[in-house]
Amino acid sequence: MRYQISGKQLDIGEALQSHVKTELGATVDKYMQRPTDATVTFSKNAHEYICEATVHLSTGLTASASGRAGDVYPAFEACREKMDKQLRRHKRRLKDHSRERSQPVEFASADLYVLAAEEDETEVDGDSLAPVIVAEMETRVPTLSVGEAVMQMELAGKPLLVFRNEKHGGVNVVYSRDDGNVGWIDPRNSK
């Protein structure tokens, strides 16, 4: 597994890097056979150290976790424990589904636009109807089953996930609802 360990305005020593590789590697290997790479970032906010980790798995899924503590090592341990819990739940769900993915997840490219917020929404100019595009980039849209999409959304800690449904190839969305449930939007089924 490839590691990228860095600090935001923080010096990361060899001992910490070695500790991260050993502990995170053991945690990931316990649940997943073929992780591809891991990114671990340390930062400091006032008196608190923050550790954020992202692990990309060979199946195409991504697991993310973060931890906070008064020292850098306990911050990493908090992050590692959250990662351990996520991967354990993910593996249990895979066993519950009794399904092994034989092929890696396919990704399609899609344009991603970030629109600027309006400063004064009371304007009725012709110019105010078209928002300003702040960022234009490309993102990847995975082809997954609905269950895998829900797992990916929860592993990444995101409020929603856009994906291609592997049954019919259509674009679908799963999202976290305010009541704690997960919503699923499949435009193909609407009439």
N, C-alpha and C. Protein backbone atom coordinates (compact mmCIF):
# COMPACT_ATOMS: atom_id res chain seq x y z
N MET A 1 0.86 -1.18 0.00
CA MET A 1 0.00 0.00 0.00
C MET A 1 0.90 1.23 0.00
N ARG A 2 0.51 2.22 -0.78
CA ARG A 2 1.25 3.49 -0.84
C ARG A 2 0.68 4.43 0.22
N TYR A 3 1.59 5.12 0.90
CA TYR A 3 1.19 6.06 1.94
C TYR A 3 1.63 7.46 1.55
N GLN A 4 0.77 8.43 1.84
CA GLN A 4 1.13 9.83 1.73
C GLN A 4 0.78 10.45 3.09
N ILE A 5 1.83 10.72 3.87
CA ILE A 5 1.64 11.25 5.22
C ILE A 5 2.20 12.65 5.25
N SER A 6 1.37 13.62 5.61
CA SER A 6 1.82 15.01 5.58
C SER A 6 1.22 15.78 6.75
N GLY A 7 1.77 16.96 6.97
CA GLY A 7 1.27 17.84 8.01
C GLY A 7 1.01 19.22 7.44
N LYS A 8 -0.08 19.82 7.85
CA LYS A 8 -0.38 21.19 7.43
C LYS A 8 0.26 22.12 8.44
N GLN A 9 1.33 22.77 8.03
CA GLN A 9 2.11 23.68 8.88
C GLN A 9 2.50 22.97 10.18
N LEU A 10 2.93 21.71 10.02
CA LEU A 10 3.27 20.86 11.14
C LEU A 10 4.36 19.90 10.66
N ASP A 11 5.42 19.76 11.43
CA ASP A 11 6.51 18.87 11.06
C ASP A 11 6.17 17.45 11.49
N ILE A 12 6.18 16.54 10.53
CA ILE A 12 5.89 15.13 10.79
C ILE A 12 7.21 14.37 10.77
N GLY A 13 7.61 13.81 11.90
CA GLY A 13 8.87 13.11 12.01
C GLY A 13 8.80 11.68 11.50
N GLU A 14 9.96 11.05 11.39
CA GLU A 14 10.05 9.67 10.93
C GLU A 14 9.34 8.70 11.87
N ALA A 15 9.42 8.94 13.17
CA ALA A 15 8.79 8.05 14.14
C ALA A 15 7.27 8.02 13.96
N LEU A 16 6.67 9.19 13.76
CA LEU A 16 5.22 9.25 13.55
C LEU A 16 4.85 8.58 12.24
N GLN A 17 5.62 8.83 11.18
CA GLN A 17 5.33 8.22 9.89
C GLN A 17 5.40 6.70 9.99
N SER A 18 6.41 6.19 10.67
CA SER A 18 6.55 4.75 10.85
C SER A 18 5.39 4.18 11.66
N HIS A 19 4.99 4.87 12.70
CA HIS A 19 3.86 4.45 13.53
C HIS A 19 2.57 4.40 12.71
N VAL A 20 2.34 5.43 11.90
CA VAL A 20 1.14 5.49 11.07
C VAL A 20 1.11 4.33 10.08
N LYS A 21 2.24 4.08 9.40
CA LYS A 21 2.29 3.00 8.41
C LYS A 21 2.03 1.65 9.07
N THR A 22 2.62 1.41 10.22
CA THR A 22 2.45 0.13 10.90
C THR A 22 1.02 -0.07 11.38
N GLU A 23 0.50 0.91 12.11
CA GLU A 23 -0.83 0.76 12.72
C GLU A 23 -1.96 0.81 11.69
N LEU A 24 -1.90 1.76 10.77
CA LEU A 24 -2.95 1.87 9.76
C LEU A 24 -2.90 0.66 8.82
N GLY A 25 -1.69 0.23 8.47
CA GLY A 25 -1.55 -0.95 7.62
C GLY A 25 -2.16 -2.18 8.27
N ALA A 26 -1.92 -2.37 9.57
CA ALA A 26 -2.47 -3.52 10.29
C ALA A 26 -4.00 -3.45 10.34
N THR A 27 -4.53 -2.26 10.57
CA THR A 27 -5.99 -2.08 10.64
C THR A 27 -6.64 -2.39 9.30
N VAL A 28 -6.09 -1.86 8.23
CA VAL A 28 -6.68 -2.05 6.91
C VAL A 28 -6.52 -3.51 6.46
N ASP A 29 -5.36 -4.10 6.69
CA ASP A 29 -5.13 -5.49 6.28
C ASP A 29 -6.04 -6.46 7.01
N LYS A 30 -6.47 -6.11 8.21
CA LYS A 30 -7.35 -6.98 8.98
C LYS A 30 -8.69 -7.19 8.28
N TYR A 31 -9.18 -6.16 7.56
CA TYR A 31 -10.50 -6.24 6.96
C TYR A 31 -10.49 -6.28 5.44
N MET A 32 -9.52 -5.68 4.81
CA MET A 32 -9.47 -5.60 3.35
C MET A 32 -8.17 -6.21 2.84
N GLN A 33 -8.26 -7.01 1.79
CA GLN A 33 -7.09 -7.69 1.29
C GLN A 33 -6.20 -6.83 0.40
N ARG A 34 -6.78 -5.94 -0.39
CA ARG A 34 -5.99 -5.21 -1.37
C ARG A 34 -6.21 -3.70 -1.32
N PRO A 35 -5.78 -3.04 -0.26
CA PRO A 35 -5.87 -1.57 -0.28
C PRO A 35 -4.83 -1.02 -1.25
N THR A 36 -5.12 0.08 -1.91
CA THR A 36 -4.19 0.62 -2.90
C THR A 36 -3.35 1.75 -2.32
N ASP A 37 -3.99 2.73 -1.70
CA ASP A 37 -3.20 3.83 -1.12
C ASP A 37 -3.94 4.49 0.02
N ALA A 38 -3.17 5.17 0.85
CA ALA A 38 -3.72 5.87 2.01
C ALA A 38 -3.12 7.26 2.09
N THR A 39 -3.94 8.24 2.41
CA THR A 39 -3.51 9.61 2.62
C THR A 39 -3.84 9.99 4.06
N VAL A 40 -2.83 10.41 4.80
CA VAL A 40 -3.02 10.80 6.20
C VAL A 40 -2.49 12.22 6.35
N THR A 41 -3.31 13.12 6.87
CA THR A 41 -2.93 14.51 7.04
C THR A 41 -3.11 14.92 8.49
N PHE A 42 -2.08 15.54 9.05
CA PHE A 42 -2.14 16.05 10.42
C PHE A 42 -2.19 17.56 10.37
N SER A 43 -2.97 18.16 11.25
CA SER A 43 -3.03 19.62 11.35
C SER A 43 -3.28 19.97 12.81
N LYS A 44 -3.15 21.25 13.10
CA LYS A 44 -3.37 21.71 14.47
C LYS A 44 -4.34 22.88 14.43
N ASN A 45 -5.33 22.83 15.32
CA ASN A 45 -6.30 23.90 15.45
C ASN A 45 -6.30 24.33 16.91
N ALA A 46 -5.70 25.47 17.19
CA ALA A 46 -5.54 25.97 18.56
C ALA A 46 -4.75 24.96 19.38
N HIS A 47 -5.34 24.36 20.38
CA HIS A 47 -4.65 23.42 21.25
C HIS A 47 -4.85 21.96 20.82
N GLU A 48 -5.58 21.75 19.74
CA GLU A 48 -6.02 20.41 19.36
C GLU A 48 -5.35 19.94 18.07
N TYR A 49 -4.89 18.70 18.06
CA TYR A 49 -4.34 18.09 16.85
C TYR A 49 -5.45 17.34 16.14
N ILE A 50 -5.43 17.41 14.80
CA ILE A 50 -6.45 16.77 13.98
C ILE A 50 -5.75 15.83 13.01
N CYS A 51 -6.24 14.60 12.93
CA CYS A 51 -5.73 13.61 11.99
C CYS A 51 -6.86 13.21 11.05
N GLU A 52 -6.64 13.33 9.74
CA GLU A 52 -7.63 12.93 8.75
C GLU A 52 -7.00 11.87 7.86
N ALA A 53 -7.68 10.75 7.68
CA ALA A 53 -7.15 9.64 6.87
C ALA A 53 -8.17 9.23 5.83
N THR A 54 -7.68 8.93 4.63
CA THR A 54 -8.50 8.41 3.54
C THR A 54 -7.79 7.20 2.97
N VAL A 55 -8.50 6.09 2.85
CA VAL A 55 -7.93 4.86 2.30
C VAL A 55 -8.74 4.48 1.08
N HIS A 56 -8.05 4.29 -0.05
CA HIS A 56 -8.69 3.85 -1.29
C HIS A 56 -8.51 2.34 -1.39
N LEU A 57 -9.61 1.64 -1.61
CA LEU A 57 -9.57 0.19 -1.71
C LEU A 57 -9.59 -0.24 -3.17
N SER A 58 -9.09 -1.43 -3.45
CA SER A 58 -9.00 -1.90 -4.83
C SER A 58 -10.36 -2.11 -5.46
N THR A 59 -11.41 -2.24 -4.67
CA THR A 59 -12.76 -2.38 -5.20
C THR A 59 -13.31 -1.06 -5.71
N GLY A 60 -12.60 0.03 -5.46
CA GLY A 60 -13.06 1.35 -5.89
C GLY A 60 -13.69 2.14 -4.77
N LEU A 61 -13.95 1.52 -3.63
CA LEU A 61 -14.55 2.22 -2.51
C LEU A 61 -13.49 3.02 -1.76
N THR A 62 -13.92 4.03 -1.05
CA THR A 62 -13.04 4.90 -0.29
C THR A 62 -13.56 5.01 1.13
N ALA A 63 -12.65 4.87 2.10
CA ALA A 63 -13.02 5.02 3.52
C ALA A 63 -12.29 6.25 4.06
N SER A 64 -13.01 7.09 4.80
CA SER A 64 -12.43 8.29 5.39
C SER A 64 -12.76 8.35 6.87
N ALA A 65 -11.81 8.87 7.66
CA ALA A 65 -12.04 9.03 9.10
C ALA A 65 -11.20 10.19 9.59
N SER A 66 -11.59 10.75 10.72
CA SER A 66 -10.79 11.82 11.33
C SER A 66 -10.85 11.66 12.84
N GLY A 67 -9.81 12.17 13.50
CA GLY A 67 -9.74 12.11 14.95
C GLY A 67 -9.12 13.38 15.50
N ARG A 68 -9.50 13.72 16.72
CA ARG A 68 -8.99 14.93 17.38
C ARG A 68 -8.52 14.57 18.78
N ALA A 69 -7.43 15.21 19.20
CA ALA A 69 -6.93 15.01 20.57
C ALA A 69 -5.93 16.11 20.89
N GLY A 70 -5.51 16.14 22.13
CA GLY A 70 -4.56 17.15 22.60
C GLY A 70 -3.13 16.88 22.16
N ASP A 71 -2.85 15.66 21.69
CA ASP A 71 -1.51 15.31 21.21
C ASP A 71 -1.66 14.60 19.87
N VAL A 72 -0.59 14.55 19.09
CA VAL A 72 -0.66 14.03 17.74
C VAL A 72 -0.89 12.51 17.71
N TYR A 73 -0.26 11.74 18.58
CA TYR A 73 -0.44 10.29 18.59
C TYR A 73 -1.87 9.89 19.00
N PRO A 74 -2.42 10.45 20.07
CA PRO A 74 -3.82 10.12 20.38
C PRO A 74 -4.80 10.56 19.28
N ALA A 75 -4.50 11.65 18.56
CA ALA A 75 -5.35 12.08 17.45
C ALA A 75 -5.35 11.01 16.36
N PHE A 76 -4.16 10.46 16.06
CA PHE A 76 -4.07 9.39 15.07
C PHE A 76 -4.82 8.14 15.56
N GLU A 77 -4.68 7.79 16.82
CA GLU A 77 -5.35 6.60 17.35
C GLU A 77 -6.87 6.75 17.28
N ALA A 78 -7.38 7.94 17.55
CA ALA A 78 -8.83 8.18 17.44
C ALA A 78 -9.28 8.00 15.99
N CYS A 79 -8.48 8.50 15.06
CA CYS A 79 -8.78 8.36 13.63
C CYS A 79 -8.72 6.89 13.22
N ARG A 80 -7.69 6.18 13.68
CA ARG A 80 -7.52 4.77 13.33
C ARG A 80 -8.68 3.94 13.87
N GLU A 81 -9.14 4.23 15.08
CA GLU A 81 -10.27 3.50 15.66
C GLU A 81 -11.55 3.71 14.84
N LYS A 82 -11.78 4.93 14.37
CA LYS A 82 -12.95 5.19 13.53
C LYS A 82 -12.83 4.45 12.20
N MET A 83 -11.61 4.43 11.63
CA MET A 83 -11.39 3.71 10.37
C MET A 83 -11.64 2.21 10.58
N ASP A 84 -11.16 1.68 11.70
CA ASP A 84 -11.36 0.28 12.04
C ASP A 84 -12.84 -0.05 12.11
N LYS A 85 -13.62 0.80 12.77
CA LYS A 85 -15.06 0.59 12.92
C LYS A 85 -15.76 0.63 11.55
N GLN A 86 -15.39 1.58 10.70
CA GLN A 86 -16.00 1.68 9.37
C GLN A 86 -15.70 0.45 8.53
N LEU A 87 -14.43 0.02 8.53
CA LEU A 87 -14.05 -1.13 7.72
C LEU A 87 -14.69 -2.42 8.24
N ARG A 88 -14.81 -2.54 9.56
CA ARG A 88 -15.46 -3.71 10.14
C ARG A 88 -16.93 -3.77 9.71
N ARG A 89 -17.63 -2.63 9.77
CA ARG A 89 -19.03 -2.58 9.35
C ARG A 89 -19.17 -2.88 7.86
N HIS A 90 -18.24 -2.32 7.08
CA HIS A 90 -18.27 -2.54 5.63
C HIS A 90 -18.09 -4.03 5.32
N LYS A 91 -17.15 -4.68 5.96
CA LYS A 91 -16.91 -6.10 5.71
C LYS A 91 -18.12 -6.93 6.14
N ARG A 92 -18.73 -6.58 7.26
CA ARG A 92 -19.93 -7.29 7.72
C ARG A 92 -21.06 -7.14 6.71
N ARG A 93 -21.23 -5.97 6.16
CA ARG A 93 -22.28 -5.76 5.16
C ARG A 93 -22.01 -6.57 3.91
N LEU A 94 -20.73 -6.63 3.51
CA LEU A 94 -20.40 -7.43 2.34
C LEU A 94 -20.74 -8.90 2.58
N LYS A 95 -20.45 -9.39 3.78
CA LYS A 95 -20.78 -10.78 4.11
C LYS A 95 -22.29 -10.98 4.15
N ASP A 96 -23.03 -9.99 4.68
CA ASP A 96 -24.48 -10.08 4.75
C ASP A 96 -25.09 -10.15 3.36
N HIS A 97 -24.50 -9.46 2.42
CA HIS A 97 -25.02 -9.46 1.05
C HIS A 97 -24.60 -10.73 0.31
N SER A 98 -23.64 -11.48 0.89
CA SER A 98 -23.15 -12.71 0.27
C SER A 98 -22.77 -12.49 -1.18
N ARG A 99 -22.10 -11.41 -1.44
CA ARG A 99 -21.76 -11.08 -2.81
C ARG A 99 -20.35 -10.56 -2.86
N GLU A 100 -19.55 -11.15 -3.67
CA GLU A 100 -18.19 -10.67 -3.90
C GLU A 100 -18.17 -9.97 -5.25
N ARG A 101 -17.60 -8.80 -5.31
CA ARG A 101 -17.48 -8.08 -6.56
C ARG A 101 -16.28 -8.65 -7.30
N SER A 102 -16.51 -9.25 -8.47
CA SER A 102 -15.42 -9.86 -9.23
C SER A 102 -14.65 -8.82 -10.03
N GLN A 103 -15.31 -7.77 -10.44
CA GLN A 103 -14.67 -6.71 -11.22
C GLN A 103 -14.57 -5.44 -10.38
N PRO A 104 -13.51 -4.66 -10.58
CA PRO A 104 -13.44 -3.39 -9.84
C PRO A 104 -14.55 -2.43 -10.28
N VAL A 105 -14.84 -1.47 -9.42
CA VAL A 105 -15.87 -0.48 -9.72
C VAL A 105 -15.44 0.35 -10.92
N GLU A 106 -16.36 0.53 -11.88
CA GLU A 106 -16.06 1.36 -13.05
C GLU A 106 -16.44 2.80 -12.73
N PHE A 107 -15.64 3.74 -13.27
CA PHE A 107 -15.90 5.15 -13.06
C PHE A 107 -16.09 5.83 -14.41
N ALA A 108 -17.03 6.75 -14.47
CA ALA A 108 -17.23 7.58 -15.65
C ALA A 108 -16.86 9.01 -15.26
N SER A 109 -16.39 9.78 -16.21
CA SER A 109 -16.03 11.18 -15.95
C SER A 109 -17.27 12.05 -16.06
N ALA A 110 -17.32 13.08 -15.25
CA ALA A 110 -18.43 14.03 -15.28
C ALA A 110 -17.90 15.41 -14.90
N ASP A 111 -18.51 16.44 -15.46
CA ASP A 111 -18.11 17.81 -15.12
C ASP A 111 -18.71 18.19 -13.78
N LEU A 112 -17.95 18.93 -12.98
CA LEU A 112 -18.39 19.39 -11.67
C LEU A 112 -18.24 20.90 -11.65
N TYR A 113 -19.28 21.62 -11.31
CA TYR A 113 -19.25 23.07 -11.26
C TYR A 113 -19.59 23.54 -9.85
N VAL A 114 -18.87 24.52 -9.36
CA VAL A 114 -19.16 25.14 -8.08
C VAL A 114 -19.65 26.54 -8.38
N LEU A 115 -20.86 26.86 -7.93
CA LEU A 115 -21.47 28.15 -8.23
C LEU A 115 -21.32 29.09 -7.05
N ALA A 116 -21.06 30.36 -7.36
CA ALA A 116 -20.90 31.36 -6.31
C ALA A 116 -22.26 31.71 -5.72
N ALA A 117 -22.28 31.95 -4.42
CA ALA A 117 -23.52 32.37 -3.75
C ALA A 117 -23.82 33.82 -4.10
N GLU A 118 -25.09 34.12 -4.23
CA GLU A 118 -25.52 35.49 -4.53
C GLU A 118 -25.36 36.34 -3.28
N GLU A 119 -24.82 37.52 -3.45
CA GLU A 119 -24.66 38.41 -2.30
C GLU A 119 -25.96 39.13 -1.98
N ASP A 120 -26.69 39.54 -3.00
CA ASP A 120 -27.97 40.23 -2.79
C ASP A 120 -29.01 39.57 -3.69
N GLU A 121 -29.90 38.82 -3.11
CA GLU A 121 -30.87 38.08 -3.90
C GLU A 121 -32.11 38.91 -4.25
N THR A 122 -32.12 40.17 -3.86
CA THR A 122 -33.28 41.02 -4.17
C THR A 122 -33.13 41.67 -5.54
N GLU A 123 -31.96 41.53 -6.17
CA GLU A 123 -31.77 42.12 -7.50
C GLU A 123 -32.64 41.38 -8.52
N VAL A 124 -33.19 42.11 -9.46
CA VAL A 124 -34.00 41.50 -10.50
C VAL A 124 -33.36 41.74 -11.86
N ASP A 125 -32.07 42.10 -11.89
CA ASP A 125 -31.35 42.31 -13.14
C ASP A 125 -31.37 41.03 -13.97
N GLY A 126 -31.11 41.18 -15.25
CA GLY A 126 -30.92 40.02 -16.11
C GLY A 126 -29.64 39.29 -15.73
N ASP A 127 -28.64 40.04 -15.21
CA ASP A 127 -27.37 39.43 -14.84
C ASP A 127 -27.49 38.55 -13.60
N SER A 128 -28.41 38.86 -12.70
CA SER A 128 -28.50 38.11 -11.45
C SER A 128 -29.12 36.73 -11.65
N LEU A 129 -29.73 36.46 -12.81
CA LEU A 129 -30.35 35.17 -13.04
C LEU A 129 -29.32 34.09 -13.35
N ALA A 130 -28.15 34.48 -13.83
CA ALA A 130 -27.10 33.51 -14.15
C ALA A 130 -26.02 33.57 -13.08
N PRO A 131 -25.90 32.53 -12.24
CA PRO A 131 -24.88 32.55 -11.18
C PRO A 131 -23.48 32.45 -11.78
N VAL A 132 -22.53 32.97 -11.05
CA VAL A 132 -21.14 32.95 -11.48
C VAL A 132 -20.54 31.59 -11.14
N ILE A 133 -19.86 30.97 -12.10
CA ILE A 133 -19.19 29.69 -11.86
C ILE A 133 -17.82 29.98 -11.28
N VAL A 134 -17.56 29.50 -10.06
CA VAL A 134 -16.31 29.75 -9.36
C VAL A 134 -15.26 28.71 -9.73
N ALA A 135 -15.67 27.45 -9.82
CA ALA A 135 -14.71 26.38 -10.11
C ALA A 135 -15.33 25.41 -11.11
N GLU A 136 -14.49 24.94 -12.01
CA GLU A 136 -14.90 23.99 -13.01
C GLU A 136 -13.87 22.88 -13.00
N MET A 137 -14.29 21.65 -12.73
CA MET A 137 -13.34 20.54 -12.67
C MET A 137 -14.04 19.26 -13.09
N GLU A 138 -13.30 18.18 -13.08
CA GLU A 138 -13.86 16.90 -13.46
C GLU A 138 -13.91 15.99 -12.25
N THR A 139 -14.95 15.21 -12.13
CA THR A 139 -15.09 14.26 -11.02
C THR A 139 -15.40 12.89 -11.60
N ARG A 140 -15.33 11.87 -10.76
CA ARG A 140 -15.59 10.51 -11.21
C ARG A 140 -16.92 10.02 -10.64
N VAL A 141 -17.72 9.38 -11.47
CA VAL A 141 -19.01 8.84 -11.06
C VAL A 141 -18.90 7.32 -11.12
N PRO A 142 -18.99 6.63 -9.97
CA PRO A 142 -18.83 5.17 -9.96
C PRO A 142 -20.09 4.45 -10.43
N THR A 143 -19.90 3.24 -10.95
CA THR A 143 -21.01 2.36 -11.30
C THR A 143 -21.12 1.33 -10.18
N LEU A 144 -22.22 1.42 -9.40
CA LEU A 144 -22.40 0.60 -8.20
C LEU A 144 -23.82 0.09 -8.10
N SER A 145 -24.03 -0.88 -7.22
CA SER A 145 -25.39 -1.25 -6.85
C SER A 145 -25.86 -0.23 -5.81
N VAL A 146 -27.14 -0.20 -5.52
CA VAL A 146 -27.67 0.76 -4.56
C VAL A 146 -27.07 0.51 -3.17
N GLY A 147 -26.96 -0.74 -2.78
CA GLY A 147 -26.38 -1.07 -1.47
C GLY A 147 -24.93 -0.63 -1.37
N GLU A 148 -24.16 -0.84 -2.44
CA GLU A 148 -22.76 -0.41 -2.43
C GLU A 148 -22.66 1.12 -2.40
N ALA A 149 -23.58 1.79 -3.07
CA ALA A 149 -23.58 3.25 -3.06
C ALA A 149 -23.84 3.79 -1.65
N VAL A 150 -24.76 3.16 -0.93
CA VAL A 150 -25.04 3.58 0.44
C VAL A 150 -23.81 3.35 1.31
N MET A 151 -23.15 2.20 1.15
CA MET A 151 -21.93 1.92 1.92
C MET A 151 -20.85 2.94 1.60
N GLN A 152 -20.67 3.26 0.31
CA GLN A 152 -19.64 4.22 -0.10
C GLN A 152 -19.93 5.59 0.49
N MET A 153 -21.20 6.01 0.47
CA MET A 153 -21.57 7.31 1.03
C MET A 153 -21.27 7.35 2.53
N GLU A 154 -21.61 6.28 3.25
CA GLU A 154 -21.36 6.24 4.69
C GLU A 154 -19.87 6.16 4.99
N LEU A 155 -19.12 5.38 4.21
CA LEU A 155 -17.67 5.28 4.42
C LEU A 155 -16.98 6.61 4.21
N ALA A 156 -17.43 7.34 3.20
CA ALA A 156 -16.82 8.64 2.90
C ALA A 156 -17.32 9.74 3.83
N GLY A 157 -18.40 9.48 4.56
CA GLY A 157 -18.94 10.49 5.47
C GLY A 157 -19.57 11.67 4.74
N LYS A 158 -20.11 11.42 3.56
CA LYS A 158 -20.72 12.48 2.75
C LYS A 158 -22.24 12.45 2.89
N PRO A 159 -22.91 13.59 2.68
CA PRO A 159 -24.37 13.62 2.80
C PRO A 159 -25.09 13.02 1.59
N LEU A 160 -24.41 12.91 0.44
CA LEU A 160 -25.04 12.32 -0.74
C LEU A 160 -23.98 11.74 -1.65
N LEU A 161 -24.43 10.86 -2.57
CA LEU A 161 -23.54 10.25 -3.55
C LEU A 161 -24.29 10.10 -4.85
N VAL A 162 -23.68 10.58 -5.94
CA VAL A 162 -24.21 10.40 -7.28
C VAL A 162 -23.48 9.20 -7.88
N PHE A 163 -24.23 8.26 -8.47
CA PHE A 163 -23.62 7.06 -9.03
C PHE A 163 -24.44 6.56 -10.21
N ARG A 164 -23.83 5.68 -11.00
CA ARG A 164 -24.55 4.99 -12.07
C ARG A 164 -25.03 3.66 -11.52
N ASN A 165 -26.30 3.37 -11.69
CA ASN A 165 -26.86 2.13 -11.21
C ASN A 165 -26.38 0.99 -12.11
N GLU A 166 -25.73 -0.03 -11.52
CA GLU A 166 -25.16 -1.09 -12.33
C GLU A 166 -26.21 -1.95 -13.01
N LYS A 167 -27.47 -1.90 -12.57
CA LYS A 167 -28.52 -2.71 -13.20
C LYS A 167 -28.93 -2.14 -14.55
N HIS A 168 -29.05 -0.82 -14.64
CA HIS A 168 -29.54 -0.22 -15.88
C HIS A 168 -28.66 0.90 -16.42
N GLY A 169 -27.62 1.29 -15.71
CA GLY A 169 -26.68 2.31 -16.21
C GLY A 169 -27.15 3.74 -16.04
N GLY A 170 -28.33 3.94 -15.46
CA GLY A 170 -28.85 5.29 -15.26
C GLY A 170 -28.21 5.98 -14.07
N VAL A 171 -28.25 7.30 -14.07
CA VAL A 171 -27.69 8.08 -12.97
C VAL A 171 -28.68 8.08 -11.81
N ASN A 172 -28.20 7.76 -10.61
CA ASN A 172 -29.01 7.71 -9.40
C ASN A 172 -28.33 8.52 -8.31
N VAL A 173 -29.07 8.84 -7.25
CA VAL A 173 -28.54 9.57 -6.10
C VAL A 173 -29.04 8.88 -4.83
N VAL A 174 -28.12 8.68 -3.87
CA VAL A 174 -28.52 8.29 -2.52
C VAL A 174 -28.10 9.42 -1.61
N TYR A 175 -28.91 9.69 -0.57
CA TYR A 175 -28.62 10.83 0.30
C TYR A 175 -29.10 10.53 1.72
N SER A 176 -28.49 11.21 2.69
CA SER A 176 -28.88 11.08 4.09
C SER A 176 -30.05 12.02 4.35
N ARG A 177 -31.11 11.47 4.90
CA ARG A 177 -32.29 12.26 5.21
C ARG A 177 -32.19 12.80 6.63
N ASP A 178 -32.96 13.84 6.93
CA ASP A 178 -32.96 14.44 8.26
C ASP A 178 -33.47 13.48 9.33
N ASP A 179 -34.32 12.51 8.94
CA ASP A 179 -34.86 11.57 9.92
C ASP A 179 -33.92 10.39 10.20
N GLY A 180 -32.71 10.41 9.61
CA GLY A 180 -31.73 9.36 9.86
C GLY A 180 -31.75 8.24 8.84
N ASN A 181 -32.74 8.22 7.97
CA ASN A 181 -32.82 7.20 6.94
C ASN A 181 -32.03 7.63 5.71
N VAL A 182 -31.94 6.74 4.73
CA VAL A 182 -31.25 7.03 3.48
C VAL A 182 -32.28 7.11 2.38
N GLY A 183 -32.24 8.18 1.60
CA GLY A 183 -33.12 8.34 0.44
C GLY A 183 -32.43 7.88 -0.83
N TRP A 184 -33.22 7.45 -1.80
CA TRP A 184 -32.69 6.96 -3.08
C TRP A 184 -33.50 7.59 -4.20
N ILE A 185 -32.85 8.28 -5.11
CA ILE A 185 -33.51 8.90 -6.25
C ILE A 185 -33.11 8.13 -7.50
N ASP A 186 -34.11 7.56 -8.18
CA ASP A 186 -33.89 6.82 -9.43
C ASP A 186 -34.84 7.40 -10.47
N PRO A 187 -34.39 8.38 -11.27
CA PRO A 187 -35.29 9.04 -12.23
C PRO A 187 -35.91 8.08 -13.24
N ARG A 188 -35.27 6.96 -13.49
CA ARG A 188 -35.78 5.99 -14.45
C ARG A 188 -37.12 5.42 -14.00
N ASN A 189 -37.32 5.30 -12.69
CA ASN A 189 -38.56 4.72 -12.15
C ASN A 189 -39.69 5.72 -12.03
N SER A 190 -39.41 7.02 -12.19
CA SER A 190 -40.48 8.03 -12.07
C SER A 190 -41.25 8.12 -13.39
N LYS A 191 -42.51 8.45 -13.27
CA LYS A 191 -43.35 8.51 -14.49
C LYS A 191 -43.94 9.87 -14.65
